[in-house]
Amino acid sequence: MQRRIAMGLMAVLPISGQACLAAPVLLLSALNAQTGTATPAILEKVDATTDKRIRSLEGHDKVIAAVAFSPDGKTLVSGSFDHQLKLWNVATGREVATVAGHTFIVFAVAVSPDGRVVASGSADKTIRLWNLKSGKAIRTLSGNEGPVRSVAFSRDGKLLASGSLDTTVRLWDTASGREIFILRGHGAMVFAVAFSPDGKVLVSGSGDKTIKLWDVASGREIKTLGGHDNAVRAVAFSPDGALLASASADKTIKLWNLLEAHEILTLAGHQGVVKSVAFSSNGTRLASGSGDNTARVWEVKSGRMLHIFGDSVNPEGDGGIYSVALSPDGKLMASGGTTGSIDLWRLD
C-alpha cells in the first residue's frame, strides 16, 4: 500500500523489503533468488544544505576524475584529465607527490588494502601500479582495447578488476600483472567495478543500464540486475557485503539486497547524472557525487538525505562532481570534479 508524506525538493523512494545483514559468505548461493516486487512510498527530505568545507586541494589543472583515501586515512590519491595522479597529505592539505606516466586522462584510482600500492586506469587503455610511498611505477597492465574507466582491488590485494569502454571486465594478478579472466556480457562501456568484502563476487555497472555479478573463482556470470533507466555509473558494496549501491545517469541511486537479489531503496534528489557512490566504513552512511555539482550523504537504514555539499546546484548537469570518497574514520569526505580542485568536507 502506497502512502504519501510531505515532499520537499528531494525525495527518497523506499522499496518494500528489508536490508538483510546476513554474512557475505551466503551471497553466492542466494543470488539466484527471484527478484522482489517494488512498492514505492515517498518520504520527506531532511536537513538543509550546509557548507562544512575544510579546505580545497589545488594542483591539478583539469577535471578531477577520481579520488581515493589510503586505508589509514593519511593520504588522498587523485586522478585527473591532466593525465596525472597526485598524492596529498590529508592532515595538512599539502601535495606530497605528482605521479606521471599515463599519456591520457586518468579516469580511476584505487589503493590496495595494505596501503602500499595505487592502481590507476586511463584513457590510454592501460592500468598502472605505483608505490604509494614513493610514487614510483611498479608495472603496467596492458590488454584493454578501450579506455579503462574503473579499477578495484580485492580485499587481500592479490587481484585487481578493471572495467573498460571495450565492454569488458578484466581480472588481473597484481603480483605478476597477468590477465586472469576477460569477462564478457555487457553491451556497452563498463563504468564501474567493485569486489564484495569476502572477495568471492565481483560487480560491474555498465552503459547498458545493467549491473552484473560475477563469480571471481570461475569468471562465470551469476546474475544480472536491471532497474535503472540509464547508464550505471558507479557501484559499491556495503562493508558487510549484504547491500550494493548503484548510481546512474538516470539521476538516482539504488540499494540492492544481494542475498535476495532485489532492489530495496531508490534514493532520488540529485538533478544530474550520479557518477560516484561510497559507503562509510561502518555501513551506516552513503556518499554520492553528481553532475548537478553537489555531493550528498544519505542514511542507509532509512534512506534519509543527511547533507548536501556544494556551492551551487546545476540542474541537468553532466559535469559537476565526478568522484567522492569517505575517510576510513568516517569524519571526512573528499570530492573532485570539474573545478580541478579537491574539496575536503567535515562530516562529524
Protein backbone atom coordinates (compact mmCIF):
# COMPACT_ATOMS: atom_id res chain seq x y z
CA MET A 1 0.00 0.00 0.00
CA GLN A 2 1.40 3.36 -1.01
CA ARG A 3 1.39 6.27 1.36
CA ARG A 4 2.46 9.85 0.70
CA ILE A 5 4.24 12.11 3.17
CA ALA A 6 5.04 15.79 2.61
CA MET A 7 7.63 16.03 -0.14
CA GLY A 8 10.40 18.64 -0.47
CA LEU A 9 12.74 19.27 -3.37
CA MET A 10 14.44 15.93 -2.75
CA ALA A 11 12.64 12.64 -2.38
CA VAL A 12 13.52 9.19 -1.18
CA LEU A 13 11.65 6.29 -2.72
CA PRO A 14 11.74 3.25 -0.41
CA ILE A 15 11.03 -0.16 -1.91
CA SER A 16 9.37 -2.97 0.00
CA GLY A 17 11.70 -5.35 1.77
CA GLN A 18 14.29 -5.00 4.50
CA ALA A 19 18.07 -4.94 4.15
CA CYS A 20 19.40 -8.35 5.13
CA LEU A 21 22.55 -8.24 7.22
CA ALA A 22 23.45 -11.93 6.98
CA ALA A 23 27.10 -12.87 6.45
CA PRO A 24 28.53 -12.28 2.97
CA VAL A 25 29.57 -15.93 2.67
CA LEU A 26 25.92 -16.74 1.88
CA LEU A 27 25.93 -14.42 -1.09
CA LEU A 28 26.77 -16.79 -3.93
CA SER A 29 24.10 -19.35 -3.10
CA ALA A 30 21.43 -16.71 -2.51
CA LEU A 31 21.91 -14.66 -5.66
CA ASN A 32 19.66 -16.87 -7.72
CA ALA A 33 16.60 -15.91 -5.66
CA GLN A 34 13.70 -14.36 -7.55
CA THR A 35 13.54 -10.60 -7.93
CA GLY A 36 11.22 -8.92 -5.42
CA THR A 37 8.40 -6.56 -6.31
CA ALA A 38 8.65 -2.83 -5.70
CA THR A 39 6.07 -0.79 -3.82
CA PRO A 40 7.18 2.84 -3.58
CA ALA A 41 6.33 5.38 -0.90
CA ILE A 42 7.64 8.92 -0.56
CA LEU A 43 9.46 10.32 2.44
CA GLU A 44 10.27 13.92 3.22
CA LYS A 45 13.87 15.03 2.75
CA VAL A 46 15.79 16.10 5.84
CA ASP A 47 18.45 18.65 6.64
CA ALA A 48 19.36 21.73 4.64
CA THR A 49 22.41 22.49 2.57
CA THR A 50 25.40 23.07 4.83
CA ASP A 51 28.92 24.14 4.00
CA LYS A 52 31.45 22.19 6.03
CA ARG A 53 34.35 22.55 3.64
CA ILE A 54 37.65 22.25 5.50
CA ARG A 55 39.94 23.06 2.59
CA SER A 56 40.39 22.77 -1.15
CA LEU A 57 43.43 20.98 -2.56
CA GLU A 58 44.84 22.80 -5.58
CA GLY A 59 47.36 21.39 -8.01
CA HIS A 60 45.66 19.67 -10.93
CA ASP A 61 44.89 21.95 -13.87
CA LYS A 62 42.00 19.95 -15.32
CA VAL A 63 38.97 17.93 -14.18
CA ILE A 64 39.41 15.61 -11.18
CA ALA A 65 38.06 12.25 -12.32
CA ALA A 66 38.81 10.11 -9.25
CA VAL A 67 39.72 10.34 -5.56
CA ALA A 68 40.56 7.63 -3.02
CA PHE A 69 41.79 7.56 0.60
CA SER A 70 44.56 5.26 1.77
CA PRO A 71 43.41 2.66 4.36
CA ASP A 72 45.00 4.65 7.21
CA GLY A 73 43.28 7.85 6.05
CA LYS A 74 46.53 9.81 5.96
CA THR A 75 46.91 10.05 2.19
CA LEU A 76 44.48 11.02 -0.56
CA VAL A 77 45.09 9.96 -4.16
CA SER A 78 43.61 11.82 -7.10
CA GLY A 79 43.48 11.17 -10.84
CA SER A 80 42.81 13.83 -13.43
CA PHE A 81 42.11 14.76 -17.02
CA ASP A 82 45.62 16.30 -16.91
CA HIS A 83 46.99 12.71 -17.24
CA GLN A 84 48.48 12.77 -13.73
CA LEU A 85 47.95 11.33 -10.28
CA LYS A 86 48.68 13.35 -7.18
CA LEU A 87 49.27 12.23 -3.59
CA TRP A 88 48.09 14.53 -0.81
CA ASN A 89 48.69 14.73 2.93
CA VAL A 90 45.15 14.76 4.34
CA ALA A 91 46.07 16.46 7.63
CA THR A 92 47.87 19.41 6.04
CA GLY A 93 46.36 19.50 2.55
CA ARG A 94 49.88 19.58 1.14
CA GLU A 95 50.71 17.89 -2.16
CA VAL A 96 53.18 15.11 -1.44
CA ALA A 97 53.92 13.90 -4.98
CA THR A 98 52.89 14.13 -8.60
CA VAL A 99 52.84 10.80 -10.41
CA ALA A 100 53.27 10.95 -14.17
CA GLY A 101 53.31 8.15 -16.72
CA HIS A 102 49.89 7.94 -18.31
CA THR A 103 49.52 9.60 -21.70
CA PHE A 104 45.84 10.43 -21.43
CA ILE A 105 43.05 11.02 -18.88
CA VAL A 106 43.33 9.15 -15.56
CA PHE A 107 39.74 8.03 -15.03
CA ALA A 108 40.15 5.78 -11.98
CA VAL A 109 42.33 5.27 -8.91
CA ALA A 110 42.28 2.69 -6.12
CA VAL A 111 44.54 1.99 -3.14
CA SER A 112 45.40 -1.58 -2.13
CA PRO A 113 44.08 -2.77 1.24
CA ASP A 114 47.60 -2.84 2.71
CA GLY A 115 48.12 0.78 1.64
CA ARG A 116 51.25 0.05 -0.38
CA VAL A 117 50.06 0.18 -3.98
CA VAL A 118 47.98 2.57 -6.07
CA ALA A 119 46.25 1.37 -9.24
CA SER A 120 45.23 3.82 -11.94
CA GLY A 121 43.09 3.30 -15.03
CA SER A 122 43.43 5.58 -18.02
CA ALA A 123 42.03 6.57 -21.38
CA ASP A 124 45.41 5.46 -22.76
CA LYS A 125 43.99 1.91 -22.38
CA THR A 126 46.44 0.90 -19.66
CA ILE A 127 46.38 0.23 -15.93
CA ARG A 128 49.43 1.22 -13.94
CA LEU A 129 50.52 0.13 -10.48
CA TRP A 130 52.50 2.58 -8.35
CA ASN A 131 54.24 2.52 -4.99
CA LEU A 132 52.13 4.75 -2.74
CA LYS A 133 55.03 5.85 -0.56
CA SER A 134 57.48 6.77 -3.32
CA GLY A 135 55.17 7.34 -6.29
CA LYS A 136 57.41 5.12 -8.42
CA ALA A 137 55.98 2.85 -11.13
CA ILE A 138 55.75 -0.87 -10.36
CA ARG A 139 54.26 -2.25 -13.59
CA THR A 140 51.85 -1.58 -16.43
CA LEU A 141 48.89 -3.86 -17.22
CA SER A 142 48.02 -3.88 -20.92
CA GLY A 143 45.32 -5.66 -22.89
CA ASN A 144 42.25 -3.44 -22.87
CA GLU A 145 41.07 -2.30 -26.29
CA GLY A 146 39.48 0.87 -24.95
CA PRO A 147 39.85 3.45 -22.16
CA VAL A 148 39.89 1.98 -18.65
CA ARG A 149 37.09 3.62 -16.66
CA SER A 150 37.31 1.77 -13.34
CA VAL A 151 39.69 -0.25 -11.16
CA ALA A 152 39.23 -2.06 -7.83
CA PHE A 153 41.39 -4.22 -5.57
CA SER A 154 40.19 -7.42 -3.92
CA ARG A 155 40.31 -7.37 -0.14
CA ASP A 156 43.55 -9.37 0.00
CA GLY A 157 45.10 -7.17 -2.68
CA LYS A 158 46.03 -10.13 -4.86
CA LEU A 159 43.53 -9.33 -7.60
CA LEU A 160 42.66 -6.19 -9.49
CA ALA A 161 39.47 -5.73 -11.52
CA SER A 162 39.04 -3.24 -14.34
CA GLY A 163 36.14 -2.03 -16.48
CA SER A 164 36.56 -0.55 -19.93
CA LEU A 165 34.99 1.19 -22.89
CA ASP A 166 35.64 -2.07 -24.77
CA THR A 167 32.64 -3.50 -22.77
CA THR A 168 34.80 -6.00 -20.86
CA VAL A 169 35.58 -6.61 -17.22
CA ARG A 170 39.06 -7.98 -16.62
CA LEU A 171 40.69 -9.68 -13.65
CA TRP A 172 44.42 -9.28 -13.11
CA ASP A 173 47.02 -10.84 -10.84
CA THR A 174 48.66 -7.88 -9.11
CA ALA A 175 51.92 -9.67 -8.30
CA SER A 176 52.69 -10.70 -11.87
CA GLY A 177 50.49 -8.40 -13.93
CA ARG A 178 48.98 -11.45 -15.62
CA GLU A 179 45.46 -11.19 -17.04
CA ILE A 180 43.40 -13.97 -15.43
CA PHE A 181 39.93 -13.57 -16.95
CA ILE A 182 38.17 -11.44 -19.54
CA LEU A 183 34.51 -11.25 -18.50
CA ARG A 184 32.16 -10.57 -21.40
CA GLY A 185 28.43 -9.94 -21.28
CA HIS A 186 27.82 -6.20 -21.08
CA GLY A 187 26.55 -4.47 -24.19
CA ALA A 188 28.18 -1.10 -23.55
CA MET A 189 31.03 0.58 -21.67
CA VAL A 190 31.76 -0.75 -18.18
CA PHE A 191 31.86 2.31 -15.95
CA ALA A 192 32.31 0.64 -12.57
CA VAL A 193 33.64 -2.46 -10.80
CA ALA A 194 33.71 -3.50 -7.13
CA PHE A 195 34.65 -6.63 -5.17
CA SER A 196 32.49 -8.00 -2.38
CA PRO A 197 34.24 -7.79 1.02
CA ASP A 198 34.83 -11.56 1.04
CA GLY A 199 36.38 -11.38 -2.44
CA LYS A 200 34.10 -14.02 -3.93
CA VAL A 201 31.88 -11.78 -6.04
CA LEU A 202 32.71 -9.02 -8.49
CA VAL A 203 30.09 -6.49 -9.52
CA SER A 204 30.14 -4.34 -12.67
CA GLY A 205 27.96 -1.44 -13.81
CA SER A 206 27.54 -0.53 -17.46
CA GLY A 207 26.19 1.88 -20.02
CA ASP A 208 23.77 -0.88 -20.97
CA LYS A 209 21.80 0.07 -17.81
CA THR A 210 22.56 -3.22 -16.04
CA ILE A 211 24.57 -4.49 -13.10
CA LYS A 212 26.24 -7.87 -13.44
CA LEU A 213 27.53 -10.12 -10.68
CA TRP A 214 30.41 -12.47 -11.41
CA ASP A 215 31.94 -15.43 -9.57
CA VAL A 216 35.56 -14.44 -9.06
CA ALA A 217 36.88 -18.00 -8.86
CA SER A 218 35.43 -19.14 -12.18
CA GLY A 219 34.73 -15.91 -14.06
CA ARG A 220 31.14 -17.08 -14.51
CA GLU A 221 28.28 -14.59 -14.63
CA ILE A 222 25.97 -15.17 -11.68
CA LYS A 223 23.17 -12.68 -12.15
CA THR A 224 22.11 -9.53 -13.98
CA LEU A 225 20.23 -6.81 -12.11
CA GLY A 226 18.07 -4.36 -14.04
CA GLY A 227 16.13 -1.37 -12.82
CA HIS A 228 17.98 1.77 -13.80
CA ASP A 229 16.69 3.76 -16.77
CA ASN A 230 20.12 4.90 -17.93
CA ALA A 231 23.80 4.00 -17.65
CA VAL A 232 25.05 2.62 -14.32
CA ARG A 233 27.99 4.89 -13.49
CA ALA A 234 29.14 3.60 -10.10
CA VAL A 235 28.76 0.62 -7.75
CA ALA A 236 29.83 0.00 -4.14
CA PHE A 237 29.41 -2.81 -1.62
CA SER A 238 28.44 -2.20 1.98
CA PRO A 239 31.18 -3.31 4.40
CA ASP A 240 29.22 -6.43 5.41
CA GLY A 241 28.63 -7.36 1.75
CA ALA A 242 24.85 -7.63 2.10
CA LEU A 243 23.99 -4.42 0.24
CA LEU A 244 25.04 -2.97 -3.07
CA ALA A 245 24.68 0.69 -4.03
CA SER A 246 24.45 1.69 -7.68
CA ALA A 247 24.50 5.18 -9.16
CA SER A 248 23.11 6.08 -12.53
CA ALA A 249 22.74 8.64 -15.28
CA ASP A 250 19.01 8.38 -14.53
CA LYS A 251 19.84 10.68 -11.54
CA THR A 252 19.08 8.05 -8.90
CA ILE A 253 20.92 5.77 -6.50
CA LYS A 254 19.58 2.30 -5.83
CA LEU A 255 20.26 0.00 -2.89
CA TRP A 256 20.06 -3.72 -3.56
CA ASN A 257 19.66 -6.65 -1.18
CA LEU A 258 22.09 -9.10 -2.77
CA LEU A 259 21.09 -12.07 -0.65
CA GLU A 260 17.61 -11.87 -2.17
CA ALA A 261 18.76 -10.19 -5.41
CA HIS A 262 16.26 -7.36 -5.40
CA GLU A 263 16.07 -3.59 -5.09
CA ILE A 264 15.09 -2.24 -1.69
CA LEU A 265 15.56 1.55 -1.94
CA THR A 266 15.77 4.22 -4.60
CA LEU A 267 17.36 7.47 -3.44
CA ALA A 268 16.18 10.40 -5.54
CA GLY A 269 17.18 14.03 -5.24
CA HIS A 270 20.18 14.60 -7.48
CA GLN A 271 19.33 16.70 -10.52
CA GLY A 272 22.10 15.36 -12.75
CA VAL A 273 23.99 12.17 -13.56
CA VAL A 274 25.11 10.40 -10.36
CA LYS A 275 28.71 9.44 -11.01
CA SER A 276 30.05 8.14 -7.71
CA VAL A 277 28.94 6.37 -4.52
CA ALA A 278 30.85 5.30 -1.41
CA PHE A 279 29.81 3.60 1.84
CA SER A 280 31.16 4.67 5.20
CA SER A 281 33.36 2.08 6.91
CA ASN A 282 30.58 1.20 9.37
CA GLY A 283 27.98 0.92 6.60
CA THR A 284 25.55 3.44 8.09
CA ARG A 285 26.06 6.23 5.56
CA LEU A 286 26.40 6.53 1.81
CA ALA A 287 28.02 9.41 -0.07
CA SER A 288 27.21 10.34 -3.66
CA GLY A 289 28.56 12.79 -6.23
CA SER A 290 26.69 14.14 -9.23
CA GLY A 291 26.83 16.21 -12.36
CA ASP A 292 24.42 18.58 -10.60
CA ASN A 293 27.51 19.93 -8.80
CA THR A 294 26.58 18.51 -5.40
CA ALA A 295 27.79 15.74 -3.13
CA ARG A 296 25.27 14.25 -0.74
CA VAL A 297 25.33 11.99 2.28
CA TRP A 298 22.46 9.58 2.99
CA GLU A 299 21.48 7.44 5.95
CA VAL A 300 21.48 3.87 4.64
CA LYS A 301 18.90 2.39 7.00
CA SER A 302 16.16 4.94 6.33
CA GLY A 303 17.24 6.43 3.00
CA ARG A 304 17.16 9.94 4.51
CA MET A 305 19.38 12.57 2.96
CA LEU A 306 21.57 13.98 5.74
CA HIS A 307 23.74 16.58 3.99
CA ILE A 308 24.19 18.40 0.70
CA PHE A 309 27.62 19.79 -0.12
CA GLY A 310 28.38 22.20 -2.94
CA ASP A 311 28.48 25.85 -3.86
CA SER A 312 25.52 25.70 -6.26
CA VAL A 313 23.20 23.21 -7.91
CA ASN A 314 23.49 22.75 -11.66
CA PRO A 315 20.23 21.08 -12.80
CA GLU A 316 20.58 18.52 -15.58
CA GLY A 317 24.36 18.79 -15.26
CA ASP A 318 26.78 16.17 -16.57
CA GLY A 319 29.95 17.84 -15.30
CA GLY A 320 30.00 18.75 -11.64
CA ILE A 321 31.37 16.16 -9.22
CA TYR A 322 32.96 13.08 -10.72
CA SER A 323 34.12 11.27 -7.60
CA VAL A 324 33.58 11.08 -3.83
CA ALA A 325 35.39 9.12 -1.13
CA LEU A 326 34.87 8.75 2.62
CA SER A 327 37.79 8.59 5.02
CA PRO A 328 38.19 5.32 6.96
CA ASP A 329 37.18 7.01 10.23
CA GLY A 330 34.05 8.46 8.59
CA LYS A 331 34.88 12.03 9.57
CA LEU A 332 35.81 13.38 6.14
CA MET A 333 34.52 13.28 2.60
CA ALA A 334 36.63 14.15 -0.43
CA SER A 335 35.04 15.26 -3.69
CA GLY A 336 36.55 16.14 -7.04
CA GLY A 337 35.21 17.30 -10.37
CA THR A 338 35.16 20.00 -12.98
CA THR A 339 36.66 22.74 -10.81
CA GLY A 340 40.03 20.98 -10.92
CA SER A 341 40.33 21.14 -7.13
CA ILE A 342 39.55 18.56 -4.45
CA ASP A 343 37.29 19.60 -1.60
CA LEU A 344 37.56 18.07 1.86
CA TRP A 345 34.33 18.22 3.87
CA ARG A 346 33.78 17.63 7.59
CA LEU A 347 31.04 15.09 8.35
CA ASP A 348 31.13 14.83 12.16
